[in-house]
């Protein structure tokens, strides 16, 4: 049991899993705001004259 606690690779995997879970949760919570922002950004880019 103590080998797993001392294992740095295992702790890094746990940290990555936590960060991914947080990113997914934020994406789900702010889905409508993110979609609105992306649509508004691309519509303003498409309307510009290049």
PDB file of N, CA and C in Angstrom:
ATOM      1  N   UNK A   1       0.820  -1.195   0.000  1.00  0.00           N
ATOM      2  CA  UNK A   1       0.000   0.000   0.000  1.00  0.00           C
ATOM      3  C   UNK A   1       0.857   1.250   0.000  1.00  0.00           C
ATOM      4  N   UNK A   2       1.925   1.250   0.790  1.00  0.00           N
ATOM      5  CA  UNK A   2       2.775   2.438   0.864  1.00  0.00           C
ATOM      6  C   UNK A   2       3.597   2.633  -0.403  1.00  0.00           C
ATOM      7  N   UNK A   3       3.813   1.558  -1.154  1.00  0.00           N
ATOM      8  CA  UNK A   3       4.525   1.703  -2.428  1.00  0.00           C
ATOM      9  C   UNK A   3       3.706   2.541  -3.398  1.00  0.00           C
ATOM     10  N   UNK A   4       2.394   2.359  -3.393  1.00  0.00           N
ATOM     11  CA  UNK A   4       1.542   3.133  -4.291  1.00  0.00           C
ATOM     12  C   UNK A   4       1.541   4.612  -3.911  1.00  0.00           C
ATOM     13  N   UNK A   5       1.570   4.892  -2.627  1.00  0.00           N
ATOM     14  CA  UNK A   5       1.573   6.289  -2.182  1.00  0.00           C
ATOM     15  C   UNK A   5       2.889   6.962  -2.579  1.00  0.00           C
ATOM     16  N   UNK A   6       3.981   6.227  -2.493  1.00  0.00           N
ATOM     17  CA  UNK A   6       5.287   6.787  -2.836  1.00  0.00           C
ATOM     18  C   UNK A   6       5.543   6.819  -4.336  1.00  0.00           C
ATOM     19  N   UNK A   7       4.730   6.123  -5.104  1.00  0.00           N
ATOM     20  CA  UNK A   7       4.928   6.034  -6.544  1.00  0.00           C
ATOM     21  C   UNK A   7       4.525   7.366  -7.187  1.00  0.00           C
ATOM     22  N   UNK A   8       5.499   8.086  -7.738  1.00  0.00           N
ATOM     23  CA  UNK A   8       5.222   9.402  -8.327  1.00  0.00           C
ATOM     24  C   UNK A   8       4.398   9.284  -9.598  1.00  0.00           C
ATOM     25  N   UNK A   9       4.609   8.215 -10.351  1.00  0.00           N
ATOM     26  CA  UNK A   9       3.858   8.055 -11.588  1.00  0.00           C
ATOM     27  C   UNK A   9       2.366   7.895 -11.302  1.00  0.00           C
ATOM     28  N   UNK A  10       2.047   7.141 -10.244  1.00  0.00           N
ATOM     29  CA  UNK A  10       0.648   6.957  -9.868  1.00  0.00           C
ATOM     30  C   UNK A  10       0.018   8.261  -9.417  1.00  0.00           C
ATOM     31  N   UNK A  11       0.775   9.074  -8.691  1.00  0.00           N
ATOM     32  CA  UNK A  11       0.248  10.358  -8.240  1.00  0.00           C
ATOM     33  C   UNK A  11       0.049  11.298  -9.421  1.00  0.00           C
ATOM     34  N   UNK A  12       0.938  11.249 -10.403  1.00  0.00           N
ATOM     35  CA  UNK A  12       0.780  12.091 -11.591  1.00  0.00           C
ATOM     36  C   UNK A  12      -0.464  11.689 -12.365  1.00  0.00           C
ATOM     37  N   UNK A  13      -0.741  10.407 -12.447  1.00  0.00           N
ATOM     38  CA  UNK A  13      -1.935   9.945 -13.144  1.00  0.00           C
ATOM     39  C   UNK A  13      -3.206  10.415 -12.421  1.00  0.00           C
ATOM     40  N   UNK A  14      -3.165  10.409 -11.099  1.00  0.00           N
ATOM     41  CA  UNK A  14      -4.314  10.885 -10.327  1.00  0.00           C
ATOM     42  C   UNK A  14      -4.507  12.376 -10.571  1.00  0.00           C
ATOM     43  N   UNK A  15      -3.425  13.135 -10.603  1.00  0.00           N
ATOM     44  CA  UNK A  15      -3.528  14.572 -10.850  1.00  0.00           C
ATOM     45  C   UNK A  15      -4.091  14.853 -12.230  1.00  0.00           C
ATOM     46  N   UNK A  16      -3.636  14.111 -13.228  1.00  0.00           N
ATOM     47  CA  UNK A  16      -4.143  14.289 -14.592  1.00  0.00           C
ATOM     48  C   UNK A  16      -5.629  13.947 -14.646  1.00  0.00           C
ATOM     49  N   UNK A  17      -6.022  12.877 -13.983  1.00  0.00           N
ATOM     50  CA  UNK A  17      -7.429  12.477 -13.979  1.00  0.00           C
ATOM     51  C   UNK A  17      -8.297  13.550 -13.317  1.00  0.00           C
ATOM     52  N   UNK A  18      -7.807  14.132 -12.232  1.00  0.00           N
ATOM     53  CA  UNK A  18      -8.562  15.187 -11.553  1.00  0.00           C
ATOM     54  C   UNK A  18      -8.692  16.407 -12.456  1.00  0.00           C
ATOM     55  N   UNK A  19      -7.608  16.801 -13.124  1.00  0.00           N
ATOM     56  CA  UNK A  19      -7.661  17.960 -14.015  1.00  0.00           C
ATOM     57  C   UNK A  19      -8.609  17.730 -15.185  1.00  0.00           C
ATOM     58  N   UNK A  20      -8.600  16.536 -15.746  1.00  0.00           N
ATOM     59  CA  UNK A  20      -9.516  16.222 -16.847  1.00  0.00           C
ATOM     60  C   UNK A  20     -10.961  16.267 -16.359  1.00  0.00           C
ATOM     61  N   UNK A  21     -11.215  15.739 -15.169  1.00  0.00           N
ATOM     62  CA  UNK A  21     -12.567  15.766 -14.619  1.00  0.00           C
ATOM     63  C   UNK A  21     -13.040  17.195 -14.393  1.00  0.00           C
ATOM     64  N   UNK A  22     -12.155  18.053 -13.903  1.00  0.00           N
ATOM     65  CA  UNK A  22     -12.513  19.456 -13.691  1.00  0.00           C
ATOM     66  C   UNK A  22     -12.808  20.134 -15.023  1.00  0.00           C
ATOM     67  N   UNK A  23     -11.984  19.870 -16.039  1.00  0.00           N
ATOM     68  CA  UNK A  23     -12.203  20.478 -17.348  1.00  0.00           C
ATOM     69  C   UNK A  23     -13.537  20.029 -17.947  1.00  0.00           C
ATOM     70  N   UNK A  24     -13.852  18.762 -17.820  1.00  0.00           N
ATOM     71  CA  UNK A  24     -15.124  18.246 -18.347  1.00  0.00           C
ATOM     72  C   UNK A  24     -16.299  18.858 -17.594  1.00  0.00           C
ATOM     73  N   UNK A  25     -16.177  18.955 -16.272  1.00  0.00           N
ATOM     74  CA  UNK A  25     -17.266  19.536 -15.474  1.00  0.00           C
ATOM     75  C   UNK A  25     -17.494  20.996 -15.852  1.00  0.00           C
ATOM     76  N   UNK A  26     -16.414  21.753 -16.011  1.00  0.00           N
ATOM     77  CA  UNK A  26     -16.560  23.157 -16.412  1.00  0.00           C
ATOM     78  C   UNK A  26     -17.165  23.264 -17.802  1.00  0.00           C
ATOM     79  N   UNK A  27     -16.779  22.375 -18.700  1.00  0.00           N
ATOM     80  CA  UNK A  27     -17.360  22.365 -20.041  1.00  0.00           C
ATOM     81  C   UNK A  27     -18.845  22.093 -20.027  1.00  0.00           C
ATOM     82  N   UNK A  28     -19.266  21.181 -19.167  1.00  0.00           N
ATOM     83  CA  UNK A  28     -20.689  20.871 -19.069  1.00  0.00           C
ATOM     84  C   UNK A  28     -21.454  22.028 -18.434  1.00  0.00           C
ATOM     85  N   UNK A  29     -20.875  22.625 -17.400  1.00  0.00           N
ATOM     86  CA  UNK A  29     -21.564  23.710 -16.695  1.00  0.00           C
ATOM     87  C   UNK A  29     -21.725  24.928 -17.602  1.00  0.00           C
ATOM     88  N   UNK A  30     -20.661  25.293 -18.321  1.00  0.00           N
ATOM     89  CA  UNK A  30     -20.680  26.506 -19.126  1.00  0.00           C
ATOM     90  C   UNK A  30     -20.869  26.213 -20.615  1.00  0.00           C
ATOM     91  N   UNK A  31     -21.569  25.141 -20.935  1.00  0.00           N
ATOM     92  CA  UNK A  31     -21.742  24.726 -22.332  1.00  0.00           C
ATOM     93  C   UNK A  31     -22.413  25.801 -23.165  1.00  0.00           C
ATOM     94  N   UNK A  32     -23.479  26.391 -22.661  1.00  0.00           N
ATOM     95  CA  UNK A  32     -24.206  27.388 -23.450  1.00  0.00           C
ATOM     96  C   UNK A  32     -23.382  28.655 -23.642  1.00  0.00           C
ATOM     97  N   UNK A  33     -22.646  29.064 -22.613  1.00  0.00           N
ATOM     98  CA  UNK A  33     -21.821  30.260 -22.735  1.00  0.00           C
ATOM     99  C   UNK A  33     -20.671  30.043 -23.717  1.00  0.00           C
ATOM    100  N   UNK A  34     -20.063  28.858 -23.664  1.00  0.00           N
ATOM    101  CA  UNK A  34     -18.959  28.545 -24.579  1.00  0.00           C
ATOM    102  C   UNK A  34     -19.469  28.499 -26.014  1.00  0.00           C
ATOM    103  N   UNK A  35     -20.622  27.864 -26.229  1.00  0.00           N
ATOM    104  CA  UNK A  35     -21.194  27.769 -27.569  1.00  0.00           C
ATOM    105  C   UNK A  35     -21.540  29.151 -28.111  1.00  0.00           C
ATOM    106  N   UNK A  36     -22.115  29.983 -27.276  1.00  0.00           N
ATOM    107  CA  UNK A  36     -22.462  31.347 -27.685  1.00  0.00           C
ATOM    108  C   UNK A  36     -21.214  32.142 -28.058  1.00  0.00           C
ATOM    109  N   UNK A  37     -20.173  32.031 -27.245  1.00  0.00           N
ATOM    110  CA  UNK A  37     -18.925  32.750 -27.515  1.00  0.00           C
ATOM    111  C   UNK A  37     -18.298  32.307 -28.830  1.00  0.00           C
ATOM    112  N   UNK A  38     -18.252  31.002 -29.061  1.00  0.00           N
ATOM    113  CA  UNK A  38     -17.645  30.476 -30.293  1.00  0.00           C
ATOM    114  C   UNK A  38     -18.458  30.903 -31.503  1.00  0.00           C
ATOM    115  N   UNK A  39     -19.781  30.815 -31.429  1.00  0.00           N
ATOM    116  CA  UNK A  39     -20.623  31.222 -32.556  1.00  0.00           C
ATOM    117  C   UNK A  39     -20.471  32.707 -32.853  1.00  0.00           C
ATOM    118  N   UNK A  40     -20.437  33.528 -31.813  1.00  0.00           N
ATOM    119  CA  UNK A  40     -20.286  34.968 -32.002  1.00  0.00           C
ATOM    120  C   UNK A  40     -18.916  35.295 -32.605  1.00  0.00           C
ATOM    121  N   UNK A  41     -17.883  34.623 -32.146  1.00  0.00           N
ATOM    122  CA  UNK A  41     -16.534  34.863 -32.656  1.00  0.00           C
ATOM    123  C   UNK A  41     -16.433  34.491 -34.130  1.00  0.00           C
ATOM    124  N   UNK A  42     -16.936  33.301 -34.487  1.00  0.00           N
ATOM    125  CA  UNK A  42     -16.839  32.880 -35.880  1.00  0.00           C
ATOM    126  C   UNK A  42     -17.734  33.704 -36.799  1.00  0.00           C
ATOM    127  N   UNK A  43     -18.864  34.141 -36.313  1.00  0.00           N
ATOM    128  CA  UNK A  43     -19.720  34.977 -37.165  1.00  0.00           C
ATOM    129  C   UNK A  43     -19.073  36.332 -37.415  1.00  0.00           C
ATOM    130  N   UNK A  44     -18.385  36.867 -36.423  1.00  0.00           N
ATOM    131  CA  UNK A  44     -17.691  38.152 -36.642  1.00  0.00           C
ATOM    132  C   UNK A  44     -16.477  37.958 -37.556  1.00  0.00           C
ATOM    133  N   UNK A  45     -15.828  36.822 -37.483  1.00  0.00           N
ATOM    134  CA  UNK A  45     -14.709  36.545 -38.390  1.00  0.00           C
ATOM    135  C   UNK A  45     -15.203  36.369 -39.821  1.00  0.00           C
ATOM    136  N   UNK A  46     -16.337  35.699 -39.991  1.00  0.00           N
ATOM    137  CA  UNK A  46     -16.875  35.477 -41.337  1.00  0.00           C
ATOM    138  C   UNK A  46     -17.381  36.767 -41.970  1.00  0.00           C
ATOM    139  N   UNK A  47     -17.859  37.688 -41.152  1.00  0.00           N
ATOM    140  CA  UNK A  47     -18.385  38.936 -41.712  1.00  0.00           C
ATOM    141  C   UNK A  47     -17.280  39.936 -42.057  1.00  0.00           C
ATOM    142  N   UNK A  48     -16.066  39.703 -41.576  1.00  0.00           N
ATOM    143  CA  UNK A  48     -14.956  40.610 -41.871  1.00  0.00           C
ATOM    144  C   UNK A  48     -14.490  40.468 -43.321  1.00  0.00           C
ATOM    145  N   UNK A  49     -13.963  41.577 -43.871  1.00  0.00           N
ATOM    146  CA  UNK A  49     -13.460  41.556 -45.246  1.00  0.00           C
ATOM    147  C   UNK A  49     -11.941  41.370 -45.226  1.00  0.00           C
ATOM    148  N   UNK A  50     -11.518  40.231 -45.729  1.00  0.00           N
ATOM    149  CA  UNK A  50     -10.078  39.964 -45.774  1.00  0.00           C
ATOM    150  C   UNK A  50      -9.553  40.118 -47.168  1.00  0.00           C
TER     151      UNK A  50
END
